[in-house]
Amino acid sequence: MNCSSARNHLGRALALALEARPLDEDARADVLGTLACPGSEHFAQLLEGARAVRRKFFRNELHLCAIANAKSGGCTEDCAFCAQSARHKTASPRHGFLDPKKIAADAAQMKARGASRFGIVASGLELDRGDFDLLLKAVELVAATGLKADVSVGLLTPERLSQLVDAGLSGVHHNLEVAESFFPQVCTTHSYAEDVEAVRLAVAAGLFVCSGGIFGLGESWEQRAELADTLRGLGVSNVPINFLVPIPGTRMEGRPVLGQDEALGILALFRILMPRANLRVCGGRGAVFGVPGGQGQRGLFSSAASGLMIGDYLTVAGTPAQADLELARELGLAVVPAAGGAAAGAQGTGG
């Protein structure tokens, strides 16, 4: 579809999103056609419409979360973008599972800076018994700070999920990363079905579930929409949006960083296809939107996103939390405390 042949159904697409209803085929096609034409009048209309949908379901709220990189590097999986894969030669730090008391101390600091959830993230497809025991203790200590304790530790069995819940677990993060049709170009060491089942299992357990993706790997707009459809079908309402930071030594090191218009378009697409979902911008925020307090970050804070990760990411430094809080206040956004808000519990981080 070229840039001049769409738009007839764009207004209906936005109206349907405001009612949290699925798009029909024509409206969906017009949204995708519009997104392929950044800088156009209709593209600007789409971004503004997506912001209106965000305001309807999240008002002026901004949901914040943070993570601890509890175990870094040496991952057995071959994800093309990831600095932690043992199959890549990168400068990414490697360390075993952190002391649970250190994780709890980091959580307490992030709570003081406005975070309401804290994710404990570990590399690898699944933890061995010793690391899992440390994870149980870390979850217990993070929950004791008053934060919602979440984990992103690969695949979990029902038995392990039950043990984590007993320790105080609130939620599970497990990103699908990309659409199923694009997955073979990203990872070959486990199946897409395994990732989908991990999300389904956590949803069935009644946990807060956060699952999203990473963008800028070469996927099409249609494949981005495919991922949103999959997440919506699974009942996911907390979606981290990550943007590729091309890291030397990975198979994606030659990919360009996404431009701001395209990144804002991705947020608009997910807001329209998943109107009630909490969309939190995580990895790659600084690479795409620039320095704290700058025009790029201001545009992001006023976009279709309803949440942010504060502090550092897994292998890349993030924006200072204080700078995020100051900009949020300047723009009239209300940081949601741990106790609730209109979209209480609808938060998450990147895995």
Protein backbone atom coordinates (compact mmCIF):
# COMPACT_ATOMS: atom_id res chain seq x y z
CA MET A 1 0.00 0.00 0.00
CA ASN A 2 1.48 3.40 -0.92
CA CYS A 3 1.24 6.55 1.12
CA SER A 4 -1.68 8.04 -0.79
CA SER A 5 -3.98 5.01 -1.00
CA ALA A 6 -4.84 4.54 2.66
CA ARG A 7 -6.56 6.76 5.26
CA ASN A 8 -10.19 6.12 4.36
CA HIS A 9 -10.62 4.09 7.52
CA LEU A 10 -8.07 5.73 9.82
CA GLY A 11 -10.73 7.65 11.74
CA ARG A 12 -12.66 4.45 12.33
CA ALA A 13 -9.51 2.71 13.53
CA LEU A 14 -9.01 5.37 16.19
CA ALA A 15 -12.69 5.27 17.16
CA LEU A 16 -12.54 1.50 17.60
CA ALA A 17 -9.38 1.79 19.71
CA LEU A 18 -11.09 4.33 21.98
CA GLU A 19 -13.76 1.70 22.55
CA ALA A 20 -11.09 -1.00 23.08
CA ARG A 21 -12.51 -2.94 20.14
CA PRO A 22 -10.52 -4.93 17.55
CA LEU A 23 -9.92 -3.26 14.20
CA ASP A 24 -11.63 -4.51 11.10
CA GLU A 25 -9.51 -5.44 8.08
CA ASP A 26 -9.84 -2.07 6.31
CA ALA A 27 -9.08 -0.01 9.41
CA ARG A 28 -6.07 -2.19 10.21
CA ALA A 29 -4.76 -1.82 6.66
CA ASP A 30 -5.05 1.96 6.86
CA VAL A 31 -3.15 2.06 10.16
CA LEU A 32 -0.32 -0.01 8.69
CA GLY A 33 -0.33 2.07 5.51
CA THR A 34 -0.13 5.27 7.52
CA LEU A 35 2.76 3.99 9.60
CA ALA A 36 4.71 3.32 6.41
CA CYS A 37 4.59 7.08 5.67
CA PRO A 38 6.34 8.87 8.57
CA GLY A 39 6.27 12.64 8.44
CA SER A 40 2.93 12.80 6.65
CA GLU A 41 -0.14 14.65 7.92
CA HIS A 42 -1.91 11.33 8.43
CA PHE A 43 1.04 9.93 10.38
CA ALA A 44 0.78 12.88 12.77
CA GLN A 45 -2.97 12.28 13.03
CA LEU A 46 -2.31 8.65 13.95
CA LEU A 47 0.18 9.58 16.67
CA GLU A 48 -2.24 12.10 18.17
CA GLY A 49 -5.07 9.58 18.03
CA ALA A 50 -2.93 7.01 19.84
CA ARG A 51 -2.15 9.60 22.52
CA ALA A 52 -5.88 10.15 22.96
CA VAL A 53 -6.36 6.42 23.49
CA ARG A 54 -3.59 6.43 26.08
CA ARG A 55 -5.21 9.37 27.90
CA LYS A 56 -8.60 7.62 27.98
CA PHE A 57 -7.30 4.48 29.65
CA PHE A 58 -4.35 5.85 31.67
CA ARG A 59 -5.20 9.56 32.07
CA ASN A 60 -1.98 11.38 33.03
CA GLU A 61 -0.46 8.41 34.84
CA LEU A 62 3.13 7.28 34.35
CA HIS A 63 4.01 3.82 35.67
CA LEU A 64 7.63 3.22 36.61
CA CYS A 65 9.56 0.03 37.26
CA ALA A 66 13.17 -1.09 37.58
CA ILE A 67 15.25 -4.25 37.31
CA ALA A 68 18.31 -5.94 38.74
CA ASN A 69 20.56 -7.91 36.41
CA ALA A 70 20.86 -10.79 38.87
CA LYS A 71 22.84 -13.11 36.59
CA SER A 72 24.60 -11.83 33.50
CA GLY A 73 26.16 -13.39 30.42
CA GLY A 74 26.92 -16.93 29.36
CA CYS A 75 23.43 -17.58 28.02
CA THR A 76 23.02 -20.77 26.03
CA GLU A 77 20.55 -19.20 23.58
CA ASP A 78 21.55 -17.62 20.26
CA CYS A 79 19.25 -14.56 20.14
CA ALA A 80 20.75 -12.40 17.40
CA PHE A 81 20.48 -9.09 19.27
CA CYS A 82 21.67 -10.19 22.70
CA ALA A 83 25.03 -9.30 24.21
CA GLN A 84 24.60 -12.00 26.85
CA SER A 85 24.60 -14.94 24.43
CA ALA A 86 27.62 -17.20 24.88
CA ARG A 87 27.66 -17.51 21.10
CA HIS A 88 28.57 -13.82 20.73
CA LYS A 89 31.89 -12.20 21.54
CA THR A 90 30.96 -8.99 23.31
CA ALA A 91 32.19 -6.86 26.16
CA SER A 92 29.02 -7.58 28.13
CA PRO A 93 29.66 -8.23 31.85
CA ARG A 94 29.40 -11.77 33.13
CA HIS A 95 28.65 -12.69 36.72
CA GLY A 96 26.92 -15.41 38.67
CA PHE A 97 23.71 -14.89 40.62
CA LEU A 98 23.96 -11.84 42.87
CA ASP A 99 23.63 -11.87 46.64
CA PRO A 100 19.88 -11.59 47.38
CA LYS A 101 20.63 -8.87 49.94
CA LYS A 102 22.28 -6.76 47.19
CA ILE A 103 19.21 -7.21 45.00
CA ALA A 104 16.95 -6.15 47.87
CA ALA A 105 19.08 -3.05 48.50
CA ASP A 106 18.81 -2.07 44.83
CA ALA A 107 15.04 -2.58 45.03
CA ALA A 108 14.76 -0.28 48.04
CA GLN A 109 16.64 2.45 46.17
CA MET A 110 14.34 2.20 43.17
CA LYS A 111 11.25 2.29 45.38
CA ALA A 112 12.50 5.59 46.79
CA ARG A 113 12.76 6.89 43.21
CA GLY A 114 9.19 6.05 42.29
CA ALA A 115 9.31 2.45 41.06
CA SER A 116 6.35 0.27 41.95
CA ARG A 117 7.62 -3.01 40.52
CA PHE A 118 11.07 -4.55 40.60
CA GLY A 119 12.13 -7.29 38.21
CA ILE A 120 14.86 -9.81 39.01
CA VAL A 121 16.38 -10.79 35.67
CA ALA A 122 18.73 -13.72 35.03
CA SER A 123 20.31 -14.86 31.77
CA GLY A 124 19.77 -18.35 30.43
CA LEU A 125 16.85 -20.52 29.38
CA GLU A 126 16.32 -21.79 32.96
CA LEU A 127 18.08 -21.62 36.34
CA ASP A 128 19.90 -24.48 38.00
CA ARG A 129 18.84 -25.54 41.50
CA GLY A 130 21.39 -23.41 43.34
CA ASP A 131 20.53 -20.22 41.47
CA PHE A 132 16.84 -20.92 41.87
CA ASP A 133 17.25 -21.12 45.64
CA LEU A 134 18.96 -17.71 45.56
CA LEU A 135 16.10 -16.40 43.45
CA LEU A 136 13.56 -17.55 46.02
CA LYS A 137 15.39 -15.61 48.73
CA ALA A 138 15.71 -12.52 46.53
CA VAL A 139 11.98 -12.54 45.77
CA GLU A 140 11.22 -12.79 49.48
CA LEU A 141 13.48 -9.82 50.30
CA VAL A 142 12.21 -7.62 47.44
CA ALA A 143 8.60 -8.28 48.44
CA ALA A 144 9.50 -7.28 51.99
CA THR A 145 10.47 -3.79 50.73
CA GLY A 146 6.86 -3.22 49.65
CA LEU A 147 7.62 -3.42 45.94
CA LYS A 148 5.92 -5.88 43.63
CA ALA A 149 8.53 -8.60 43.08
CA ASP A 150 8.75 -9.90 39.51
CA VAL A 151 11.12 -12.32 37.79
CA SER A 152 12.45 -12.77 34.28
CA VAL A 153 14.37 -16.04 34.40
CA GLY A 154 13.46 -17.93 31.24
CA LEU A 155 11.27 -21.00 31.42
CA LEU A 156 9.55 -21.90 34.70
CA THR A 157 7.72 -25.10 35.57
CA PRO A 158 4.40 -25.01 37.42
CA GLU A 159 6.20 -26.34 40.50
CA ARG A 160 8.76 -23.55 40.46
CA LEU A 161 6.07 -20.95 39.87
CA SER A 162 4.26 -22.23 42.95
CA GLN A 163 7.42 -21.96 45.05
CA LEU A 164 8.04 -18.42 43.86
CA VAL A 165 4.46 -17.41 44.66
CA ASP A 166 4.92 -18.75 48.19
CA ALA A 167 8.06 -16.58 48.46
CA GLY A 168 6.11 -13.46 47.51
CA LEU A 169 6.25 -13.38 43.72
CA SER A 170 3.91 -10.90 42.05
CA GLY A 171 4.65 -11.30 38.37
CA VAL A 172 6.53 -12.97 35.55
CA HIS A 173 8.23 -11.30 32.61
CA HIS A 174 8.81 -13.34 29.49
CA ASN A 175 9.20 -11.44 26.25
CA LEU A 176 8.17 -13.05 22.98
CA GLU A 177 10.61 -10.54 21.40
CA VAL A 178 9.25 -10.72 17.81
CA ALA A 179 6.41 -12.16 15.75
CA GLU A 180 6.40 -15.90 15.17
CA SER A 181 6.95 -15.35 11.43
CA PHE A 182 10.21 -13.44 12.17
CA PHE A 183 11.44 -15.58 15.06
CA PRO A 184 13.62 -17.99 12.98
CA GLN A 185 15.74 -15.01 11.94
CA VAL A 186 16.38 -14.16 15.58
CA CYS A 187 16.68 -17.41 17.55
CA THR A 188 17.17 -21.09 16.67
CA THR A 189 18.01 -22.67 20.04
CA HIS A 190 14.46 -22.88 21.35
CA SER A 191 11.04 -22.69 19.77
CA TYR A 192 8.56 -19.85 19.66
CA ALA A 193 5.99 -22.27 21.04
CA GLU A 194 8.07 -22.63 24.23
CA ASP A 195 8.00 -18.88 24.78
CA VAL A 196 4.26 -18.71 24.14
CA GLU A 197 3.68 -21.58 26.57
CA ALA A 198 5.76 -19.80 29.23
CA VAL A 199 3.49 -16.77 28.94
CA ARG A 200 0.35 -18.89 28.87
CA LEU A 201 1.46 -20.77 31.99
CA ALA A 202 2.06 -17.57 33.95
CA VAL A 203 -1.31 -16.14 32.89
CA ALA A 204 -3.05 -19.37 33.92
CA ALA A 205 -1.35 -19.15 37.33
CA GLY A 206 -3.11 -15.83 37.91
CA LEU A 207 0.13 -13.83 38.04
CA PHE A 208 0.81 -10.36 36.72
CA VAL A 209 2.37 -11.12 33.33
CA CYS A 210 4.56 -8.81 31.31
CA SER A 211 5.50 -9.78 27.76
CA GLY A 212 6.56 -7.67 24.82
CA GLY A 213 9.27 -7.35 22.24
CA ILE A 214 12.31 -5.69 20.76
CA PHE A 215 12.07 -3.61 17.59
CA GLY A 216 14.50 -2.56 14.92
CA LEU A 217 15.74 -6.03 14.00
CA GLY A 218 14.49 -5.82 10.42
CA GLU A 219 10.89 -6.85 11.09
CA SER A 220 8.06 -5.40 8.99
CA TRP A 221 5.11 -3.32 10.19
CA GLU A 222 2.90 -6.33 9.53
CA GLN A 223 5.11 -8.47 11.78
CA ARG A 224 4.95 -5.84 14.51
CA ALA A 225 1.16 -6.01 14.30
CA GLU A 226 1.38 -9.82 14.35
CA LEU A 227 3.25 -9.67 17.66
CA ALA A 228 0.61 -7.35 19.14
CA ASP A 229 -2.12 -9.74 18.01
CA THR A 230 -0.35 -12.68 19.66
CA LEU A 231 0.08 -10.82 22.95
CA ARG A 232 -3.53 -9.68 22.96
CA GLY A 233 -4.68 -13.23 22.23
CA LEU A 234 -2.69 -14.50 25.21
CA GLY A 235 -4.39 -11.98 27.50
CA VAL A 236 -1.22 -9.96 28.15
CA SER A 237 -1.95 -6.45 29.36
CA ASN A 238 1.59 -5.32 30.28
CA VAL A 239 3.88 -4.85 27.30
CA PRO A 240 7.53 -3.73 27.44
CA ILE A 241 8.67 -2.02 24.26
CA ASN A 242 12.41 -2.32 23.65
CA PHE A 243 14.41 -0.78 20.82
CA LEU A 244 17.54 -2.40 19.47
CA VAL A 245 20.86 -1.01 20.61
CA PRO A 246 23.22 -2.63 18.09
CA ILE A 247 26.04 -4.12 20.15
CA PRO A 248 29.41 -5.02 18.59
CA GLY A 249 29.92 -8.76 18.53
CA THR A 250 26.26 -9.66 18.07
CA ARG A 251 24.69 -10.69 14.78
CA MET A 252 22.70 -7.44 14.82
CA GLU A 253 25.73 -5.17 15.26
CA GLY A 254 25.26 -3.65 11.80
CA ARG A 255 21.60 -2.70 12.22
CA PRO A 256 20.84 1.04 12.43
CA VAL A 257 19.20 2.55 15.50
CA LEU A 258 15.54 3.31 14.84
CA GLY A 259 14.55 6.92 14.23
CA GLN A 260 12.24 8.63 16.69
CA ASP A 261 9.30 8.81 14.30
CA GLU A 262 9.40 5.06 13.65
CA ALA A 263 9.71 4.33 17.38
CA LEU A 264 6.73 6.58 18.15
CA GLY A 265 4.84 4.81 15.38
CA ILE A 266 5.51 1.44 17.01
CA LEU A 267 4.09 2.76 20.28
CA ALA A 268 1.05 4.11 18.42
CA LEU A 269 0.49 0.77 16.68
CA PHE A 270 0.54 -1.17 19.94
CA ARG A 271 -1.67 1.41 21.65
CA ILE A 272 -4.27 1.10 18.89
CA LEU A 273 -4.14 -2.70 18.74
CA MET A 274 -3.88 -3.11 22.54
CA PRO A 275 -5.70 -0.02 23.89
CA ARG A 276 -5.85 -1.08 27.54
CA ALA A 277 -2.30 -2.46 27.73
CA ASN A 278 0.32 -0.69 29.77
CA LEU A 279 3.06 0.04 27.25
CA ARG A 280 6.35 0.67 28.99
CA VAL A 281 9.41 1.82 27.08
CA CYS A 282 12.47 -0.06 28.28
CA GLY A 283 15.73 -0.92 26.53
CA GLY A 284 17.05 1.44 23.86
CA ARG A 285 15.21 4.49 25.17
CA GLY A 286 18.32 6.67 25.35
CA ALA A 287 19.70 5.46 22.01
CA VAL A 288 16.47 6.37 20.21
CA PHE A 289 15.15 9.37 22.14
CA GLY A 290 18.37 11.02 23.25
CA VAL A 291 19.54 12.72 26.40
CA PRO A 292 17.48 13.13 29.59
CA GLY A 293 15.17 16.14 29.39
CA GLY A 294 15.80 16.65 25.68
CA GLN A 295 13.16 17.08 23.00
CA GLY A 296 13.24 13.40 22.14
CA GLN A 297 12.54 12.33 25.71
CA ARG A 298 9.84 14.98 26.01
CA GLY A 299 8.18 13.57 22.91
CA LEU A 300 8.36 10.08 24.36
CA PHE A 301 6.81 11.13 27.69
CA SER A 302 3.94 12.68 25.73
CA SER A 303 3.49 9.66 23.44
CA ALA A 304 1.22 6.61 23.46
CA ALA A 305 3.44 4.97 26.11
CA SER A 306 2.08 4.76 29.66
CA GLY A 307 5.18 3.59 31.51
CA LEU A 308 8.95 3.58 31.63
CA MET A 309 11.78 1.57 33.06
CA ILE A 310 14.00 3.73 35.24
CA GLY A 311 17.63 3.13 36.08
CA ASP A 312 19.95 0.84 34.12
CA TYR A 313 18.97 -1.97 31.76
CA LEU A 314 20.54 -5.41 31.48
CA THR A 315 23.82 -4.55 29.74
CA VAL A 316 23.33 -0.86 28.82
CA ALA A 317 23.20 2.16 31.11
CA GLY A 318 19.81 3.83 31.37
CA THR A 319 18.54 7.33 32.10
CA PRO A 320 19.12 8.64 35.64
CA ALA A 321 15.91 8.11 37.58
CA GLN A 322 15.88 11.65 38.97
CA ALA A 323 15.90 13.12 35.47
CA ASP A 324 12.85 11.03 34.56
CA LEU A 325 10.98 12.11 37.67
CA GLU A 326 11.73 15.79 37.06
CA LEU A 327 10.56 15.62 33.45
CA ALA A 328 7.40 13.76 34.45
CA ARG A 329 6.53 16.46 36.97
CA GLU A 330 7.27 19.22 34.44
CA LEU A 331 4.88 17.64 31.94
CA GLY A 332 2.13 17.15 34.51
CA LEU A 333 2.38 13.38 34.65
CA ALA A 334 1.47 11.57 37.85
CA VAL A 335 3.90 8.83 38.84
CA VAL A 336 1.83 5.89 40.06
CA PRO A 337 2.84 4.65 43.52
CA ALA A 338 3.09 0.98 44.40
CA ALA A 339 -0.36 0.98 45.97
CA GLY A 340 -2.34 1.56 42.80
CA GLY A 341 -3.80 3.96 40.28
CA ALA A 342 -6.32 3.65 37.48
CA ALA A 343 -4.20 1.00 35.83
CA ALA A 344 -2.92 -0.51 39.05
CA GLY A 345 -0.87 -3.59 38.45
CA ALA A 346 -0.59 -2.88 34.74
CA GLN A 347 3.17 -2.50 34.78
CA GLY A 348 6.20 -4.42 33.67
CA THR A 349 9.74 -4.40 32.42
CA GLY A 350 11.75 -5.67 29.57
CA GLY A 351 13.02 -9.20 29.89
